[in-house]
Amino acid sequence: MGGLPTRAGRGDRLWGRWPGSRERDLKDIAIYKLARIEQAVDSLSRAIDRLELAALERAPLDPEHSAAEEALRREIEDLKADYENLRTVSQAVSTRLDSAIGRVRAVLET
């Protein structure tokens, strides 16, 4: 074994570390990981900014792009209107079905 410290009989000392050093090591690791995450977030943010800038610079140069975008916006608005109409109709149908079920139950109970 040649003098390597072990846990047995040595308190918190393990492999030459003194009490409290493990907590410091874990704290240092956590700080390092947090710094790496912050760097990644910053890098991602810069990449998104570059993509948005490229899209804005390109859009005015492509008139078909603007026309296609406007057509998609109109289609989205039409779909939203259709959705609202369907939602209104489904609520009305649900109310009428509940009423019909109530009448059928009343007839069956008599």
PDB file of N, CA and C in Angstrom:
ATOM      1  N   MET A   1       0.814  -1.181   0.000  1.00  0.00           N
ATOM      2  CA  MET A   1       0.000   0.000   0.000  1.00  0.00           C
ATOM      3  C   MET A   1       0.858   1.245   0.000  1.00  0.00           C
ATOM      4  N   GLY A   2       2.030   1.178   0.500  1.00  0.00           N
ATOM      5  CA  GLY A   2       3.035   2.197   0.365  1.00  0.00           C
ATOM      6  C   GLY A   2       2.675   3.596   0.828  1.00  0.00           C
ATOM      7  N   GLY A   3       1.953   3.756   1.917  1.00  0.00           N
ATOM      8  CA  GLY A   3       1.759   5.063   2.501  1.00  0.00           C
ATOM      9  C   GLY A   3       0.631   5.901   1.924  1.00  0.00           C
ATOM     10  N   LEU A   4      -0.184   5.335   1.041  1.00  0.00           N
ATOM     11  CA  LEU A   4      -1.322   6.105   0.546  1.00  0.00           C
ATOM     12  C   LEU A   4      -2.367   6.207   1.641  1.00  0.00           C
ATOM     13  N   PRO A   5      -2.818   7.424   1.940  1.00  0.00           N
ATOM     14  CA  PRO A   5      -3.837   7.557   2.990  1.00  0.00           C
ATOM     15  C   PRO A   5      -5.142   6.903   2.554  1.00  0.00           C
ATOM     16  N   THR A   6      -5.824   6.308   3.486  1.00  0.00           N
ATOM     17  CA  THR A   6      -7.133   5.704   3.223  1.00  0.00           C
ATOM     18  C   THR A   6      -8.139   6.302   4.179  1.00  0.00           C
ATOM     19  N   ARG A   7      -9.402   6.000   3.959  1.00  0.00           N
ATOM     20  CA  ARG A   7     -10.448   6.541   4.801  1.00  0.00           C
ATOM     21  C   ARG A   7     -10.385   5.931   6.206  1.00  0.00           C
ATOM     22  N   ALA A   8     -10.065   4.676   6.298  1.00  0.00           N
ATOM     23  CA  ALA A   8     -10.087   3.989   7.583  1.00  0.00           C
ATOM     24  C   ALA A   8      -9.062   4.603   8.534  1.00  0.00           C
ATOM     25  N   GLY A   9      -9.535   5.093   9.672  1.00  0.00           N
ATOM     26  CA  GLY A   9      -8.652   5.594  10.703  1.00  0.00           C
ATOM     27  C   GLY A   9      -8.035   6.954  10.417  1.00  0.00           C
ATOM     28  N   ARG A  10      -8.420   7.632   9.419  1.00  0.00           N
ATOM     29  CA  ARG A  10      -7.800   8.914   9.076  1.00  0.00           C
ATOM     30  C   ARG A  10      -8.812  10.066   9.040  1.00  0.00           C
ATOM     31  N   GLY A  11      -9.989   9.896   9.580  1.00  0.00           N
ATOM     32  CA  GLY A  11     -10.987  10.956   9.588  1.00  0.00           C
ATOM     33  C   GLY A  11     -11.490  11.233   8.184  1.00  0.00           C
ATOM     34  N   ASP A  12     -11.561  12.504   7.813  1.00  0.00           N
ATOM     35  CA  ASP A  12     -12.052  12.876   6.490  1.00  0.00           C
ATOM     36  C   ASP A  12     -10.947  12.921   5.450  1.00  0.00           C
ATOM     37  N   ARG A  13      -9.711  12.632   5.876  1.00  0.00           N
ATOM     38  CA  ARG A  13      -8.609  12.704   4.934  1.00  0.00           C
ATOM     39  C   ARG A  13      -8.667  11.508   3.992  1.00  0.00           C
ATOM     40  N   LEU A  14      -8.647  11.765   2.694  1.00  0.00           N
ATOM     41  CA  LEU A  14      -8.713  10.700   1.705  1.00  0.00           C
ATOM     42  C   LEU A  14      -7.789  11.068   0.569  1.00  0.00           C
ATOM     43  N   TRP A  15      -6.846  10.210   0.291  1.00  0.00           N
ATOM     44  CA  TRP A  15      -5.891  10.431  -0.792  1.00  0.00           C
ATOM     45  C   TRP A  15      -5.181  11.773  -0.687  1.00  0.00           C
ATOM     46  N   GLY A  16      -4.805  12.105   0.542  1.00  0.00           N
ATOM     47  CA  GLY A  16      -3.992  13.286   0.750  1.00  0.00           C
ATOM     48  C   GLY A  16      -4.774  14.578   0.879  1.00  0.00           C
ATOM     49  N   ARG A  17      -6.077  14.520   0.870  1.00  0.00           N
ATOM     50  CA  ARG A  17      -6.892  15.728   1.024  1.00  0.00           C
ATOM     51  C   ARG A  17      -7.264  15.896   2.487  1.00  0.00           C
ATOM     52  N   TRP A  18      -7.369  17.134   2.905  1.00  0.00           N
ATOM     53  CA  TRP A  18      -7.707  17.435   4.283  1.00  0.00           C
ATOM     54  C   TRP A  18      -9.183  17.763   4.395  1.00  0.00           C
ATOM     55  N   PRO A  19      -9.728  17.723   5.608  1.00  0.00           N
ATOM     56  CA  PRO A  19     -11.153  18.025   5.791  1.00  0.00           C
ATOM     57  C   PRO A  19     -11.531  19.359   5.148  1.00  0.00           C
ATOM     58  N   GLY A  20     -12.675  19.368   4.471  1.00  0.00           N
ATOM     59  CA  GLY A  20     -13.159  20.584   3.823  1.00  0.00           C
ATOM     60  C   GLY A  20     -12.698  20.756   2.395  1.00  0.00           C
ATOM     61  N   SER A  21     -11.648  20.037   1.989  1.00  0.00           N
ATOM     62  CA  SER A  21     -11.152  20.225   0.620  1.00  0.00           C
ATOM     63  C   SER A  21     -12.121  19.646  -0.395  1.00  0.00           C
ATOM     64  N   ARG A  22     -12.857  18.609  -0.037  1.00  0.00           N
ATOM     65  CA  ARG A  22     -13.828  18.031  -0.973  1.00  0.00           C
ATOM     66  C   ARG A  22     -14.932  19.042  -1.283  1.00  0.00           C
ATOM     67  N   GLU A  23     -15.406  19.741  -0.254  1.00  0.00           N
ATOM     68  CA  GLU A  23     -16.437  20.743  -0.454  1.00  0.00           C
ATOM     69  C   GLU A  23     -15.924  21.868  -1.350  1.00  0.00           C
ATOM     70  N   ARG A  24     -14.660  22.275  -1.124  1.00  0.00           N
ATOM     71  CA  ARG A  24     -14.071  23.312  -1.978  1.00  0.00           C
ATOM     72  C   ARG A  24     -13.955  22.820  -3.410  1.00  0.00           C
ATOM     73  N   ASP A  25     -13.551  21.550  -3.567  1.00  0.00           N
ATOM     74  CA  ASP A  25     -13.429  20.974  -4.913  1.00  0.00           C
ATOM     75  C   ASP A  25     -14.784  20.954  -5.616  1.00  0.00           C
ATOM     76  N   LEU A  26     -15.832  20.522  -4.907  1.00  0.00           N
ATOM     77  CA  LEU A  26     -17.171  20.481  -5.500  1.00  0.00           C
ATOM     78  C   LEU A  26     -17.657  21.881  -5.855  1.00  0.00           C
ATOM     79  N   LYS A  27     -17.360  22.854  -4.990  1.00  0.00           N
ATOM     80  CA  LYS A  27     -17.750  24.236  -5.262  1.00  0.00           C
ATOM     81  C   LYS A  27     -17.015  24.752  -6.501  1.00  0.00           C
ATOM     82  N   ASP A  28     -15.723  24.449  -6.598  1.00  0.00           N
ATOM     83  CA  ASP A  28     -14.942  24.870  -7.769  1.00  0.00           C
ATOM     84  C   ASP A  28     -15.483  24.239  -9.046  1.00  0.00           C
ATOM     85  N   ILE A  29     -15.860  22.973  -8.979  1.00  0.00           N
ATOM     86  CA  ILE A  29     -16.426  22.283 -10.144  1.00  0.00           C
ATOM     87  C   ILE A  29     -17.745  22.924 -10.544  1.00  0.00           C
ATOM     88  N   ALA A  30     -18.595  23.224  -9.551  1.00  0.00           N
ATOM     89  CA  ALA A  30     -19.894  23.845  -9.835  1.00  0.00           C
ATOM     90  C   ALA A  30     -19.703  25.225 -10.471  1.00  0.00           C
ATOM     91  N   ILE A  31     -18.760  25.992  -9.941  1.00  0.00           N
ATOM     92  CA  ILE A  31     -18.490  27.323 -10.507  1.00  0.00           C
ATOM     93  C   ILE A  31     -17.980  27.182 -11.936  1.00  0.00           C
ATOM     94  N   TYR A  32     -17.095  26.218 -12.168  1.00  0.00           N
ATOM     95  CA  TYR A  32     -16.557  25.988 -13.513  1.00  0.00           C
ATOM     96  C   TYR A  32     -17.684  25.607 -14.479  1.00  0.00           C
ATOM     97  N   LYS A  33     -18.556  24.691 -14.050  1.00  0.00           N
ATOM     98  CA  LYS A  33     -19.659  24.265 -14.916  1.00  0.00           C
ATOM     99  C   LYS A  33     -20.605  25.423 -15.198  1.00  0.00           C
ATOM    100  N   LEU A  34     -20.901  26.237 -14.180  1.00  0.00           N
ATOM    101  CA  LEU A  34     -21.775  27.383 -14.369  1.00  0.00           C
ATOM    102  C   LEU A  34     -21.157  28.373 -15.353  1.00  0.00           C
ATOM    103  N   ALA A  35     -19.861  28.595 -15.239  1.00  0.00           N
ATOM    104  CA  ALA A  35     -19.175  29.500 -16.166  1.00  0.00           C
ATOM    105  C   ALA A  35     -19.245  28.958 -17.591  1.00  0.00           C
ATOM    106  N   ARG A  36     -19.089  27.655 -17.746  1.00  0.00           N
ATOM    107  CA  ARG A  36     -19.173  27.038 -19.083  1.00  0.00           C
ATOM    108  C   ARG A  36     -20.584  27.180 -19.655  1.00  0.00           C
ATOM    109  N   ILE A  37     -21.589  27.009 -18.821  1.00  0.00           N
ATOM    110  CA  ILE A  37     -22.976  27.167 -19.275  1.00  0.00           C
ATOM    111  C   ILE A  37     -23.220  28.603 -19.698  1.00  0.00           C
ATOM    112  N   GLU A  38     -22.734  29.561 -18.900  1.00  0.00           N
ATOM    113  CA  GLU A  38     -22.902  30.972 -19.254  1.00  0.00           C
ATOM    114  C   GLU A  38     -22.205  31.287 -20.577  1.00  0.00           C
ATOM    115  N   GLN A  39     -21.024  30.712 -20.793  1.00  0.00           N
ATOM    116  CA  GLN A  39     -20.324  30.913 -22.061  1.00  0.00           C
ATOM    117  C   GLN A  39     -21.142  30.347 -23.217  1.00  0.00           C
ATOM    118  N   ALA A  40     -21.724  29.174 -23.025  1.00  0.00           N
ATOM    119  CA  ALA A  40     -22.526  28.549 -24.081  1.00  0.00           C
ATOM    120  C   ALA A  40     -23.767  29.379 -24.383  1.00  0.00           C
ATOM    121  N   VAL A  41     -24.410  29.900 -23.340  1.00  0.00           N
ATOM    122  CA  VAL A  41     -25.596  30.740 -23.538  1.00  0.00           C
ATOM    123  C   VAL A  41     -25.220  32.007 -24.286  1.00  0.00           C
ATOM    124  N   ASP A  42     -24.117  32.625 -23.902  1.00  0.00           N
ATOM    125  CA  ASP A  42     -23.654  33.835 -24.600  1.00  0.00           C
ATOM    126  C   ASP A  42     -23.348  33.538 -26.062  1.00  0.00           C
ATOM    127  N   SER A  43     -22.690  32.421 -26.305  1.00  0.00           N
ATOM    128  CA  SER A  43     -22.360  32.025 -27.675  1.00  0.00           C
ATOM    129  C   SER A  43     -23.629  31.799 -28.494  1.00  0.00           C
ATOM    130  N   LEU A  44     -24.594  31.131 -27.904  1.00  0.00           N
ATOM    131  CA  LEU A  44     -25.874  30.889 -28.582  1.00  0.00           C
ATOM    132  C   LEU A  44     -26.586  32.201 -28.867  1.00  0.00           C
ATOM    133  N   SER A  45     -26.576  33.104 -27.909  1.00  0.00           N
ATOM    134  CA  SER A  45     -27.212  34.404 -28.092  1.00  0.00           C
ATOM    135  C   SER A  45     -26.565  35.173 -29.246  1.00  0.00           C
ATOM    136  N   ARG A  46     -25.252  35.158 -29.308  1.00  0.00           N
ATOM    137  CA  ARG A  46     -24.557  35.843 -30.409  1.00  0.00           C
ATOM    138  C   ARG A  46     -24.892  35.200 -31.748  1.00  0.00           C
ATOM    139  N   ALA A  47     -24.984  33.871 -31.784  1.00  0.00           N
ATOM    140  CA  ALA A  47     -25.322  33.175 -33.030  1.00  0.00           C
ATOM    141  C   ALA A  47     -26.738  33.532 -33.484  1.00  0.00           C
ATOM    142  N   ILE A  48     -27.668  33.598 -32.545  1.00  0.00           N
ATOM    143  CA  ILE A  48     -29.045  33.970 -32.887  1.00  0.00           C
ATOM    144  C   ILE A  48     -29.085  35.396 -33.414  1.00  0.00           C
ATOM    145  N   ASP A  49     -28.350  36.287 -32.763  1.00  0.00           N
ATOM    146  CA  ASP A  49     -28.299  37.674 -33.237  1.00  0.00           C
ATOM    147  C   ASP A  49     -27.772  37.745 -34.667  1.00  0.00           C
ATOM    148  N   ARG A  50     -26.733  36.965 -34.962  1.00  0.00           N
ATOM    149  CA  ARG A  50     -26.177  36.956 -36.321  1.00  0.00           C
ATOM    150  C   ARG A  50     -27.186  36.413 -37.328  1.00  0.00           C
ATOM    151  N   LEU A  51     -27.912  35.367 -36.949  1.00  0.00           N
ATOM    152  CA  LEU A  51     -28.927  34.809 -37.845  1.00  0.00           C
ATOM    153  C   LEU A  51     -30.056  35.795 -38.107  1.00  0.00           C
ATOM    154  N   GLU A  52     -30.508  36.473 -37.057  1.00  0.00           N
ATOM    155  CA  GLU A  52     -31.573  37.460 -37.234  1.00  0.00           C
ATOM    156  C   GLU A  52     -31.111  38.606 -38.129  1.00  0.00           C
ATOM    157  N   LEU A  53     -29.887  39.055 -37.927  1.00  0.00           N
ATOM    158  CA  LEU A  53     -29.355  40.132 -38.752  1.00  0.00           C
ATOM    159  C   LEU A  53     -29.257  39.697 -40.208  1.00  0.00           C
ATOM    160  N   ALA A  54     -28.787  38.475 -40.431  1.00  0.00           N
ATOM    161  CA  ALA A  54     -28.682  37.965 -41.802  1.00  0.00           C
ATOM    162  C   ALA A  54     -30.058  37.866 -42.446  1.00  0.00           C
ATOM    163  N   ALA A  55     -31.046  37.433 -41.683  1.00  0.00           N
ATOM    164  CA  ALA A  55     -32.407  37.320 -42.227  1.00  0.00           C
ATOM    165  C   ALA A  55     -32.962  38.699 -42.576  1.00  0.00           C
ATOM    166  N   LEU A  56     -32.722  39.669 -41.706  1.00  0.00           N
ATOM    167  CA  LEU A  56     -33.214  41.025 -41.978  1.00  0.00           C
ATOM    168  C   LEU A  56     -32.520  41.654 -43.180  1.00  0.00           C
ATOM    169  N   GLU A  57     -31.228  41.393 -43.314  1.00  0.00           N
ATOM    170  CA  GLU A  57     -30.491  41.943 -44.446  1.00  0.00           C
ATOM    171  C   GLU A  57     -30.928  41.305 -45.758  1.00  0.00           C
ATOM    172  N   ARG A  58     -31.285  40.050 -45.714  1.00  0.00           N
ATOM    173  CA  ARG A  58     -31.651  39.314 -46.928  1.00  0.00           C
ATOM    174  C   ARG A  58     -33.078  39.607 -47.369  1.00  0.00           C
ATOM    175  N   ALA A  59     -33.982  39.786 -46.417  1.00  0.00           N
ATOM    176  CA  ALA A  59     -35.410  39.936 -46.718  1.00  0.00           C
ATOM    177  C   ALA A  59     -35.702  41.057 -47.712  1.00  0.00           C
ATOM    178  N   PRO A  60     -35.173  42.256 -47.551  1.00  0.00           N
ATOM    179  CA  PRO A  60     -35.514  43.315 -48.506  1.00  0.00           C
ATOM    180  C   PRO A  60     -34.983  43.047 -49.914  1.00  0.00           C
ATOM    181  N   LEU A  61     -33.977  42.219 -50.034  1.00  0.00           N
ATOM    182  CA  LEU A  61     -33.404  41.938 -51.344  1.00  0.00           C
ATOM    183  C   LEU A  61     -34.237  40.950 -52.145  1.00  0.00           C
ATOM    184  N   ASP A  62     -35.138  40.251 -51.493  1.00  0.00           N
ATOM    185  CA  ASP A  62     -35.906  39.191 -52.140  1.00  0.00           C
ATOM    186  C   ASP A  62     -37.397  39.544 -52.099  1.00  0.00           C
ATOM    187  N   PRO A  63     -37.920  40.199 -53.170  1.00  0.00           N
ATOM    188  CA  PRO A  63     -39.332  40.592 -53.153  1.00  0.00           C
ATOM    189  C   PRO A  63     -40.277  39.398 -53.092  1.00  0.00           C
ATOM    190  N   GLU A  64     -39.880  38.263 -53.655  1.00  0.00           N
ATOM    191  CA  GLU A  64     -40.732  37.072 -53.581  1.00  0.00           C
ATOM    192  C   GLU A  64     -40.869  36.618 -52.138  1.00  0.00           C
ATOM    193  N   HIS A  65     -39.803  36.792 -51.367  1.00  0.00           N
ATOM    194  CA  HIS A  65     -39.825  36.408 -49.958  1.00  0.00           C
ATOM    195  C   HIS A  65     -40.885  37.225 -49.221  1.00  0.00           C
ATOM    196  N   SER A  66     -40.930  38.518 -49.460  1.00  0.00           N
ATOM    197  CA  SER A  66     -41.911  39.385 -48.805  1.00  0.00           C
ATOM    198  C   SER A  66     -43.332  38.995 -49.197  1.00  0.00           C
ATOM    199  N   ALA A  67     -43.544  38.706 -50.477  1.00  0.00           N
ATOM    200  CA  ALA A  67     -44.870  38.309 -50.946  1.00  0.00           C
ATOM    201  C   ALA A  67     -45.271  36.974 -50.326  1.00  0.00           C
ATOM    202  N   ALA A  68     -44.338  36.039 -50.274  1.00  0.00           N
ATOM    203  CA  ALA A  68     -44.633  34.734 -49.683  1.00  0.00           C
ATOM    204  C   ALA A  68     -44.920  34.871 -48.194  1.00  0.00           C
ATOM    205  N   GLU A  69     -44.165  35.735 -47.518  1.00  0.00           N
ATOM    206  CA  GLU A  69     -44.381  35.948 -46.090  1.00  0.00           C
ATOM    207  C   GLU A  69     -45.763  36.548 -45.840  1.00  0.00           C
ATOM    208  N   GLU A  70     -46.150  37.508 -46.669  1.00  0.00           N
ATOM    209  CA  GLU A  70     -47.471  38.129 -46.523  1.00  0.00           C
ATOM    210  C   GLU A  70     -48.581  37.108 -46.789  1.00  0.00           C
ATOM    211  N   ALA A  71     -48.383  36.248 -47.789  1.00  0.00           N
ATOM    212  CA  ALA A  71     -49.376  35.205 -48.072  1.00  0.00           C
ATOM    213  C   ALA A  71     -49.508  34.254 -46.888  1.00  0.00           C
ATOM    214  N   LEU A  72     -48.381  33.907 -46.268  1.00  0.00           N
ATOM    215  CA  LEU A  72     -48.429  33.030 -45.097  1.00  0.00           C
ATOM    216  C   LEU A  72     -49.136  33.712 -43.928  1.00  0.00           C
ATOM    217  N   ARG A  73     -48.898  34.996 -43.742  1.00  0.00           N
ATOM    218  CA  ARG A  73     -49.583  35.727 -42.671  1.00  0.00           C
ATOM    219  C   ARG A  73     -51.098  35.725 -42.888  1.00  0.00           C
ATOM    220  N   ARG A  74     -51.515  35.961 -44.133  1.00  0.00           N
ATOM    221  CA  ARG A  74     -52.953  35.939 -44.430  1.00  0.00           C
ATOM    222  C   ARG A  74     -53.522  34.549 -44.165  1.00  0.00           C
ATOM    223  N   GLU A  75     -52.801  33.524 -44.579  1.00  0.00           N
ATOM    224  CA  GLU A  75     -53.272  32.152 -44.369  1.00  0.00           C
ATOM    225  C   GLU A  75     -53.378  31.840 -42.878  1.00  0.00           C
ATOM    226  N   ILE A  76     -52.413  32.304 -42.100  1.00  0.00           N
ATOM    227  CA  ILE A  76     -52.465  32.090 -40.648  1.00  0.00           C
ATOM    228  C   ILE A  76     -53.683  32.784 -40.050  1.00  0.00           C
ATOM    229  N   GLU A  77     -53.945  34.010 -40.479  1.00  0.00           N
ATOM    230  CA  GLU A  77     -55.117  34.733 -39.979  1.00  0.00           C
ATOM    231  C   GLU A  77     -56.404  34.020 -40.367  1.00  0.00           C
ATOM    232  N   ASP A  78     -56.476  33.502 -41.595  1.00  0.00           N
ATOM    233  CA  ASP A  78     -57.653  32.737 -42.028  1.00  0.00           C
ATOM    234  C   ASP A  78     -57.831  31.485 -41.184  1.00  0.00           C
ATOM    235  N   LEU A  79     -56.726  30.797 -40.904  1.00  0.00           N
ATOM    236  CA  LEU A  79     -56.797  29.583 -40.088  1.00  0.00           C
ATOM    237  C   LEU A  79     -57.228  29.903 -38.665  1.00  0.00           C
ATOM    238  N   LYS A  80     -56.747  31.018 -38.123  1.00  0.00           N
ATOM    239  CA  LYS A  80     -57.185  31.418 -36.785  1.00  0.00           C
ATOM    240  C   LYS A  80     -58.686  31.696 -36.764  1.00  0.00           C
ATOM    241  N   ALA A  81     -59.183  32.370 -37.798  1.00  0.00           N
ATOM    242  CA  ALA A  81     -60.614  32.655 -37.879  1.00  0.00           C
ATOM    243  C   ALA A  81     -61.411  31.352 -37.993  1.00  0.00           C
ATOM    244  N   ASP A  82     -60.941  30.410 -38.827  1.00  0.00           N
ATOM    245  CA  ASP A  82     -61.603  29.108 -38.948  1.00  0.00           C
ATOM    246  C   ASP A  82     -61.614  28.385 -37.604  1.00  0.00           C
ATOM    247  N   TYR A  83     -60.511  28.454 -36.888  1.00  0.00           N
ATOM    248  CA  TYR A  83     -60.416  27.801 -35.593  1.00  0.00           C
ATOM    249  C   TYR A  83     -61.453  28.380 -34.638  1.00  0.00           C
ATOM    250  N   GLU A  84     -61.550  29.702 -34.581  1.00  0.00           N
ATOM    251  CA  GLU A  84     -62.522  30.333 -33.686  1.00  0.00           C
ATOM    252  C   GLU A  84     -63.946  29.938 -34.057  1.00  0.00           C
ATOM    253  N   ASN A  85     -64.246  29.881 -35.376  1.00  0.00           N
ATOM    254  CA  ASN A  85     -65.580  29.442 -35.810  1.00  0.00           C
ATOM    255  C   ASN A  85     -65.857  28.017 -35.380  1.00  0.00           C
ATOM    256  N   LEU A  86     -64.885  27.134 -35.572  1.00  0.00           N
ATOM    257  CA  LEU A  86     -65.061  25.731 -35.176  1.00  0.00           C
ATOM    258  C   LEU A  86     -65.219  25.598 -33.665  1.00  0.00           C
ATOM    259  N   ARG A  87     -64.494  26.389 -32.923  1.00  0.00           N
ATOM    260  CA  ARG A  87     -64.596  26.349 -31.469  1.00  0.00           C
ATOM    261  C   ARG A  87     -65.990  26.784 -31.024  1.00  0.00           C
ATOM    262  N   THR A  88     -66.519  27.816 -31.641  1.00  0.00           N
ATOM    263  CA  THR A  88     -67.861  28.301 -31.308  1.00  0.00           C
ATOM    264  C   THR A  88     -68.902  27.239 -31.638  1.00  0.00           C
ATOM    265  N   VAL A  89     -68.777  26.644 -32.820  1.00  0.00           N
ATOM    266  CA  VAL A  89     -69.725  25.602 -33.231  1.00  0.00           C
ATOM    267  C   VAL A  89     -69.621  24.395 -32.300  1.00  0.00           C
ATOM    268  N   SER A  90     -68.415  23.987 -31.953  1.00  0.00           N
ATOM    269  CA  SER A  90     -68.265  22.806 -31.088  1.00  0.00           C
ATOM    270  C   SER A  90     -68.844  23.071 -29.703  1.00  0.00           C
ATOM    271  N   GLN A  91     -68.710  24.288 -29.201  1.00  0.00           N
ATOM    272  CA  GLN A  91     -69.318  24.614 -27.912  1.00  0.00           C
ATOM    273  C   GLN A  91     -70.842  24.539 -27.997  1.00  0.00           C
ATOM    274  N   ALA A  92     -71.400  25.041 -29.096  1.00  0.00           N
ATOM    275  CA  ALA A  92     -72.855  24.977 -29.274  1.00  0.00           C
ATOM    276  C   ALA A  92     -73.320  23.533 -29.370  1.00  0.00           C
ATOM    277  N   VAL A  93     -72.609  22.712 -30.117  1.00  0.00           N
ATOM    278  CA  VAL A  93     -72.971  21.293 -30.261  1.00  0.00           C
ATOM    279  C   VAL A  93     -72.869  20.601 -28.916  1.00  0.00           C
ATOM    280  N   SER A  94     -71.827  20.894 -28.166  1.00  0.00           N
ATOM    281  CA  SER A  94     -71.648  20.277 -26.850  1.00  0.00           C
ATOM    282  C   SER A  94     -72.809  20.632 -25.925  1.00  0.00           C
ATOM    283  N   THR A  95     -73.221  21.886 -25.949  1.00  0.00           N
ATOM    284  CA  THR A  95     -74.348  22.324 -25.119  1.00  0.00           C
ATOM    285  C   THR A  95     -75.632  21.607 -25.518  1.00  0.00           C
ATOM    286  N   ARG A  96     -75.855  21.505 -26.835  1.00  0.00           N
ATOM    287  CA  ARG A  96     -77.077  20.831 -27.302  1.00  0.00           C
ATOM    288  C   ARG A  96     -77.043  19.342 -26.967  1.00  0.00           C
ATOM    289  N   LEU A  97     -75.867  18.705 -27.094  1.00  0.00           N
ATOM    290  CA  LEU A  97     -75.757  17.284 -26.737  1.00  0.00           C
ATOM    291  C   LEU A  97     -76.021  17.073 -25.249  1.00  0.00           C
ATOM    292  N   ASP A  98     -75.462  17.934 -24.414  1.00  0.00           N
ATOM    293  CA  ASP A  98     -75.700  17.821 -22.972  1.00  0.00           C
ATOM    294  C   ASP A  98     -77.186  17.938 -22.663  1.00  0.00           C
ATOM    295  N   SER A  99     -77.841  18.858 -23.354  1.00  0.00           N
ATOM    296  CA  SER A  99     -79.277  19.043 -23.154  1.00  0.00           C
ATOM    297  C   SER A  99     -80.048  17.797 -23.594  1.00  0.00           C
ATOM    298  N   ALA A 100     -79.703  17.243 -24.743  1.00  0.00           N
ATOM    299  CA  ALA A 100     -80.377  16.039 -25.251  1.00  0.00           C
ATOM    300  C   ALA A 100     -80.136  14.856 -24.322  1.00  0.00           C
ATOM    301  N   ILE A 101     -78.921  14.714 -23.825  1.00  0.00           N
ATOM    302  CA  ILE A 101     -78.612  13.617 -22.900  1.00  0.00           C
ATOM    303  C   ILE A 101     -79.440  13.778 -21.625  1.00  0.00           C
ATOM    304  N   GLY A 102     -79.569  15.006 -21.158  1.00  0.00           N
ATOM    305  CA  GLY A 102     -80.383  15.266 -19.965  1.00  0.00           C
ATOM    306  C   GLY A 102     -81.833  14.874 -20.177  1.00  0.00           C
ATOM    307  N   ARG A 103     -82.381  15.187 -21.358  1.00  0.00           N
ATOM    308  CA  ARG A 103     -83.774  14.830 -21.646  1.00  0.00           C
ATOM    309  C   ARG A 103     -83.934  13.307 -21.723  1.00  0.00           C
ATOM    310  N   VAL A 104     -82.981  12.622 -22.364  1.00  0.00           N
ATOM    311  CA  VAL A 104     -83.049  11.156 -22.480  1.00  0.00           C
ATOM    312  C   VAL A 104     -82.990  10.535 -21.096  1.00  0.00           C
ATOM    313  N   ARG A 105     -82.114  11.018 -20.222  1.00  0.00           N
ATOM    314  CA  ARG A 105     -82.028  10.498 -18.858  1.00  0.00           C
ATOM    315  C   ARG A 105     -83.334  10.700 -18.102  1.00  0.00           C
ATOM    316  N   ALA A 106     -83.917  11.874 -18.290  1.00  0.00           N
ATOM    317  CA  ALA A 106     -85.190  12.163 -17.615  1.00  0.00           C
ATOM    318  C   ALA A 106     -86.272  11.201 -18.073  1.00  0.00           C
ATOM    319  N   VAL A 107     -86.313  10.899 -19.377  1.00  0.00           N
ATOM    320  CA  VAL A 107     -87.306   9.967 -19.903  1.00  0.00           C
ATOM    321  C   VAL A 107     -87.052   8.577 -19.362  1.00  0.00           C
ATOM    322  N   LEU A 108     -85.787   8.145 -19.311  1.00  0.00           N
ATOM    323  CA  LEU A 108     -85.450   6.801 -18.832  1.00  0.00           C
ATOM    324  C   LEU A 108     -85.749   6.631 -17.357  1.00  0.00           C
ATOM    325  N   GLU A 109     -85.657   7.677 -16.566  1.00  0.00           N
ATOM    326  CA  GLU A 109     -85.871   7.594 -15.123  1.00  0.00           C
ATOM    327  C   GLU A 109     -87.362   7.553 -14.772  1.00  0.00           C
ATOM    328  N   THR A 110     -88.229   7.921 -15.709  1.00  0.00           N
ATOM    329  CA  THR A 110     -89.665   7.908 -15.393  1.00  0.00           C
ATOM    330  C   THR A 110     -90.301   6.613 -15.676  1.00  0.00           C
TER     331      THR A 110
END
